[in-house]
Amino acid sequence: MPCSSRADRCATSATDAAALARLARVITRCRLCPRLVAHRELVARTKRRQFRDETYWGRPLPGFGDPAARLLIVGLAPAAHGGNRTGRMFTGDQSGDWLFRALYDAGFANQPRSESRDDGLVLRDAYVTAAARCAPPDNKPTIAELACCRPYLLRERALLARVCAIVALGRIAFATVLAAERAAGTVLPRPLPRFAHGAVTALGRVTLIASYHPSRQNTQTGKLSRAMLAAVFARARRCLDGDARRARAQ
């Protein structure tokens, strides 16, 4: 439930930020999946020509954002030459360009682009994470690899206690959110919701909103437009506004 006073919110945010920072250190040391470890480190050594003078991150990525966030965004995995290079989710690739533009337009980010970890990007009331924490070959983590990563999402989800809306970017992220919510004790609707862009599902006090992933495969083919992505985050904003009104009425 939202905190009742600004002082309470600040104290809670500081505690959650410290816990999220500790979790981030655990995530960045993870070596549970040999295939992913080998791939992320190979990419970091060989690099892409346009980034040959940069030092790649080459490690798993924790989530990032506002520890008091009410909106959680779940993607698929770091891009080989995006997050795996820059060390931050959705940073330095085209998918991130689309995502951060949409978050900026909806009032969740202070700037519309993100190129590096130290570029000044600040998320407001939003937190970004992913189903898999390492860049997978062909952007396709296995079922076993996703299962290895799921406890990290569960822990982030537990620490982000104010979350009342989740945007799942893509079918795999959508399925991962459902699996994580089930593992956390949430009673899922029956039949289980199916992925469709713009679909909205109530999961207890949390609203799950599905979106196509802003990958090149979707954006360059016209499957996902900027207007479609903007509508998803406008819907998320309405969820948060409704949650705030309910809190004031209590």
Protein backbone atom coordinates (compact mmCIF):
# COMPACT_ATOMS: atom_id res chain seq x y z
CA MET A 1 0.00 0.00 0.00
CA PRO A 2 1.21 3.59 -0.60
CA CYS A 3 2.83 5.28 2.40
CA SER A 4 0.68 7.75 4.28
CA SER A 5 3.13 10.64 4.50
CA ARG A 6 6.06 12.13 2.63
CA ALA A 7 8.40 11.31 5.53
CA ASP A 8 7.25 7.68 5.47
CA ARG A 9 7.78 7.51 1.71
CA CYS A 10 11.30 8.95 1.99
CA ALA A 11 12.26 6.52 4.74
CA THR A 12 10.81 3.59 2.82
CA SER A 13 12.55 4.65 -0.41
CA ALA A 14 15.93 4.90 1.34
CA THR A 15 15.55 1.43 2.83
CA ASP A 16 14.39 -0.08 -0.46
CA ALA A 17 17.17 1.68 -2.39
CA ALA A 18 19.80 0.13 -0.11
CA ALA A 19 18.23 -3.33 -0.48
CA LEU A 20 17.99 -2.94 -4.27
CA ALA A 21 21.65 -1.90 -4.37
CA ARG A 22 22.63 -5.04 -2.45
CA LEU A 23 20.57 -7.16 -4.82
CA ALA A 24 22.21 -5.44 -7.81
CA ARG A 25 25.62 -6.50 -6.54
CA VAL A 26 24.43 -10.10 -6.28
CA ILE A 27 22.97 -10.03 -9.80
CA THR A 28 26.10 -8.61 -11.43
CA ARG A 29 28.16 -11.49 -10.01
CA CYS A 30 25.81 -14.22 -11.26
CA ARG A 31 27.32 -17.05 -13.34
CA LEU A 32 24.51 -19.60 -13.12
CA CYS A 33 23.98 -20.06 -16.88
CA PRO A 34 27.15 -21.20 -18.73
CA ARG A 35 25.76 -20.47 -22.21
CA LEU A 36 24.85 -16.89 -21.27
CA VAL A 37 28.13 -16.28 -19.45
CA ALA A 38 30.09 -17.44 -22.50
CA HIS A 39 28.03 -15.35 -24.92
CA ARG A 40 27.99 -12.09 -22.97
CA GLU A 41 31.75 -12.28 -22.37
CA LEU A 42 32.54 -13.19 -25.99
CA VAL A 43 30.53 -10.19 -27.20
CA ALA A 44 32.33 -7.97 -24.70
CA ARG A 45 35.71 -9.12 -26.04
CA THR A 46 34.98 -9.03 -29.76
CA LYS A 47 32.74 -5.93 -29.70
CA ARG A 48 31.03 -4.25 -32.64
CA ARG A 49 33.23 -2.12 -34.87
CA GLN A 50 31.44 1.14 -34.06
CA PHE A 51 32.08 0.52 -30.33
CA ARG A 52 35.58 -0.94 -30.60
CA ASP A 53 37.10 1.81 -28.40
CA GLU A 54 34.59 1.25 -25.57
CA THR A 55 34.90 -1.09 -22.61
CA TYR A 56 31.88 -3.39 -22.59
CA TRP A 57 30.06 -4.18 -19.35
CA GLY A 58 29.86 -7.90 -20.19
CA ARG A 59 28.05 -8.90 -16.98
CA PRO A 60 24.46 -9.50 -15.86
CA LEU A 61 22.28 -6.41 -15.47
CA PRO A 62 20.13 -5.51 -12.45
CA GLY A 63 17.07 -3.35 -12.84
CA PHE A 64 17.22 0.39 -12.27
CA GLY A 65 14.96 3.31 -11.50
CA ASP A 66 12.95 4.82 -8.66
CA PRO A 67 12.95 2.58 -5.54
CA ALA A 68 9.53 4.03 -4.68
CA ALA A 69 8.19 3.26 -8.16
CA ARG A 70 4.55 2.39 -8.70
CA LEU A 71 5.22 1.35 -12.31
CA LEU A 72 7.40 -1.67 -13.15
CA ILE A 73 8.53 -2.24 -16.75
CA VAL A 74 9.74 -5.75 -17.62
CA GLY A 75 11.63 -6.37 -20.84
CA LEU A 76 13.17 -9.49 -22.34
CA ALA A 77 16.98 -9.27 -21.87
CA PRO A 78 19.91 -6.91 -22.39
CA ALA A 79 20.90 -6.30 -26.00
CA ALA A 80 24.34 -7.66 -26.90
CA HIS A 81 25.63 -4.24 -27.96
CA GLY A 82 23.16 -2.21 -25.88
CA GLY A 83 22.87 -3.04 -22.20
CA ASN A 84 25.65 -5.63 -22.40
CA ARG A 85 27.88 -2.79 -23.55
CA THR A 86 26.63 0.13 -21.45
CA GLY A 87 25.78 -1.71 -18.24
CA ARG A 88 22.18 -0.49 -17.97
CA MET A 89 18.91 -1.94 -19.20
CA PHE A 90 17.67 -0.56 -22.55
CA THR A 91 20.57 1.91 -22.67
CA GLY A 92 22.43 2.51 -25.92
CA ASP A 93 20.18 0.70 -28.40
CA GLN A 94 17.14 1.39 -30.56
CA SER A 95 14.71 -0.42 -28.26
CA GLY A 96 15.80 1.90 -25.48
CA ASP A 97 15.33 4.92 -27.75
CA TRP A 98 11.69 3.94 -28.18
CA LEU A 99 11.13 3.03 -24.53
CA PHE A 100 12.68 6.13 -22.97
CA ARG A 101 10.92 8.42 -25.43
CA ALA A 102 7.62 6.89 -24.37
CA LEU A 103 8.51 7.13 -20.67
CA TYR A 104 9.55 10.77 -21.11
CA ASP A 105 6.33 11.65 -22.92
CA ALA A 106 4.30 10.00 -20.14
CA GLY A 107 6.22 11.85 -17.40
CA PHE A 108 8.21 8.85 -16.11
CA ALA A 109 11.66 10.03 -17.27
CA ASN A 110 13.51 13.33 -17.21
CA GLN A 111 14.91 12.95 -20.73
CA PRO A 112 13.87 11.09 -23.90
CA ARG A 113 17.13 9.26 -24.66
CA SER A 114 19.72 7.20 -22.84
CA GLU A 115 23.17 6.48 -24.24
CA SER A 116 25.27 5.57 -21.17
CA ARG A 117 25.01 4.84 -17.44
CA ASP A 118 26.14 8.36 -16.57
CA ASP A 119 24.05 10.37 -19.04
CA GLY A 120 21.80 11.92 -16.37
CA LEU A 121 18.70 9.80 -17.00
CA VAL A 122 16.37 9.74 -13.99
CA LEU A 123 13.23 7.61 -13.83
CA ARG A 124 10.34 8.99 -11.81
CA ASP A 125 7.85 6.55 -10.29
CA ALA A 126 9.12 3.85 -12.65
CA TYR A 127 11.58 0.95 -12.49
CA VAL A 128 12.95 -1.00 -15.47
CA THR A 129 14.04 -4.63 -15.33
CA ALA A 130 13.99 -7.76 -17.51
CA ALA A 131 13.12 -11.45 -17.63
CA ALA A 132 16.75 -12.41 -18.34
CA ARG A 133 19.78 -10.52 -17.03
CA CYS A 134 22.41 -11.54 -19.60
CA ALA A 135 22.45 -10.93 -23.34
CA PRO A 136 21.35 -14.26 -24.91
CA PRO A 137 22.42 -15.58 -28.32
CA ASP A 138 19.90 -14.47 -30.96
CA ASN A 139 17.92 -12.70 -28.18
CA LYS A 140 16.48 -16.07 -27.17
CA PRO A 141 16.99 -17.18 -23.56
CA THR A 142 16.02 -20.79 -22.88
CA ILE A 143 13.25 -21.83 -20.52
CA ALA A 144 15.87 -23.02 -18.02
CA GLU A 145 17.77 -19.72 -18.21
CA LEU A 146 14.59 -17.74 -17.62
CA ALA A 147 13.84 -19.92 -14.60
CA CYS A 148 17.33 -19.21 -13.20
CA CYS A 149 16.73 -15.47 -13.51
CA ARG A 150 13.19 -15.45 -12.10
CA PRO A 151 14.22 -15.28 -8.41
CA TYR A 152 15.91 -11.94 -9.14
CA LEU A 153 12.66 -10.55 -10.50
CA LEU A 154 10.79 -11.93 -7.51
CA ARG A 155 13.19 -10.19 -5.15
CA GLU A 156 12.95 -6.89 -7.03
CA ARG A 157 9.19 -7.22 -7.06
CA ALA A 158 9.13 -7.76 -3.26
CA LEU A 159 11.32 -4.72 -2.65
CA LEU A 160 9.26 -2.51 -4.98
CA ALA A 161 6.34 -2.64 -2.57
CA ARG A 162 4.43 0.31 -4.06
CA VAL A 163 4.09 -1.18 -7.56
CA CYS A 164 0.49 -1.13 -8.75
CA ALA A 165 1.03 -1.39 -12.53
CA ILE A 166 3.36 -3.59 -14.58
CA VAL A 167 4.07 -3.16 -18.29
CA ALA A 168 5.36 -6.37 -19.90
CA LEU A 169 7.26 -5.74 -23.13
CA GLY A 170 6.74 -8.80 -25.26
CA ARG A 171 5.32 -12.28 -24.93
CA ILE A 172 8.23 -13.71 -22.90
CA ALA A 173 8.19 -10.84 -20.42
CA PHE A 174 4.40 -11.27 -20.11
CA ALA A 175 4.75 -14.99 -19.32
CA THR A 176 7.61 -14.25 -16.90
CA VAL A 177 5.52 -11.72 -14.98
CA LEU A 178 2.66 -14.22 -14.65
CA ALA A 179 5.06 -16.92 -13.44
CA ALA A 180 6.64 -14.55 -10.92
CA GLU A 181 3.27 -13.37 -9.61
CA ARG A 182 2.14 -16.98 -9.21
CA ALA A 183 5.34 -17.80 -7.32
CA ALA A 184 4.75 -14.79 -5.07
CA GLY A 185 1.32 -16.13 -4.12
CA THR A 186 -0.91 -14.08 -6.41
CA VAL A 187 -4.02 -15.96 -7.50
CA LEU A 188 -4.06 -15.75 -11.29
CA PRO A 189 -7.31 -15.49 -13.25
CA ARG A 190 -8.65 -18.56 -15.03
CA PRO A 191 -8.30 -19.12 -17.86
CA LEU A 192 -4.82 -17.64 -17.82
CA PRO A 193 -4.62 -14.34 -19.71
CA ARG A 194 -3.17 -14.49 -23.20
CA PHE A 195 -0.66 -12.03 -24.55
CA ALA A 196 -2.00 -9.34 -26.84
CA HIS A 197 -0.77 -5.80 -27.32
CA GLY A 198 -2.69 -3.46 -25.05
CA ALA A 199 -4.34 -6.26 -23.07
CA VAL A 200 -5.02 -5.34 -19.44
CA THR A 201 -5.23 -7.95 -16.68
CA ALA A 202 -5.98 -7.48 -12.98
CA LEU A 203 -3.59 -9.42 -10.74
CA GLY A 204 -4.83 -8.64 -7.26
CA ARG A 205 -4.05 -4.98 -6.59
CA VAL A 206 -1.66 -4.87 -9.57
CA THR A 207 -2.66 -4.15 -13.16
CA LEU A 208 -0.66 -5.96 -15.85
CA ILE A 209 -0.50 -4.24 -19.25
CA ALA A 210 0.90 -6.10 -22.25
CA SER A 211 2.85 -4.43 -25.05
CA TYR A 212 4.80 -5.53 -28.06
CA HIS A 213 8.51 -5.22 -27.37
CA PRO A 214 10.07 -2.12 -29.02
CA SER A 215 12.56 -4.28 -30.92
CA ARG A 216 13.63 -3.50 -34.47
CA GLN A 217 11.67 -6.53 -35.61
CA ASN A 218 8.49 -4.84 -34.39
CA THR A 219 9.23 -1.16 -34.95
CA GLN A 220 10.74 -1.40 -38.43
CA THR A 221 7.91 -3.60 -39.70
CA GLY A 222 5.23 -1.30 -38.33
CA LYS A 223 3.91 -3.92 -35.92
CA LEU A 224 4.56 -1.42 -33.10
CA SER A 225 4.21 2.31 -33.66
CA ARG A 226 5.21 5.13 -31.34
CA ALA A 227 1.54 5.93 -30.87
CA MET A 228 0.81 2.34 -29.81
CA LEU A 229 3.64 2.39 -27.26
CA ALA A 230 2.58 5.82 -26.00
CA ALA A 231 -0.96 4.49 -25.46
CA VAL A 232 0.41 1.69 -23.25
CA PHE A 233 2.14 4.15 -20.94
CA ALA A 234 -0.83 6.50 -20.98
CA ARG A 235 -2.86 3.53 -19.73
CA ALA A 236 -0.24 2.88 -17.04
CA ARG A 237 -0.43 6.54 -15.99
CA ARG A 238 -4.19 6.26 -15.61
CA CYS A 239 -3.72 3.17 -13.41
CA LEU A 240 -1.36 5.09 -11.15
CA ASP A 241 -3.67 8.08 -11.00
CA GLY A 242 -6.55 5.80 -10.02
CA ASP A 243 -4.43 4.17 -7.33
CA ALA A 244 -3.55 7.59 -5.91
CA ARG A 245 -7.22 8.61 -5.81
CA ARG A 246 -8.14 5.40 -3.98
CA ALA A 247 -5.36 5.99 -1.46
CA ARG A 248 -6.59 9.53 -0.74
CA ALA A 249 -10.13 8.25 -0.25
CA GLN A 250 -9.08 5.75 2.41
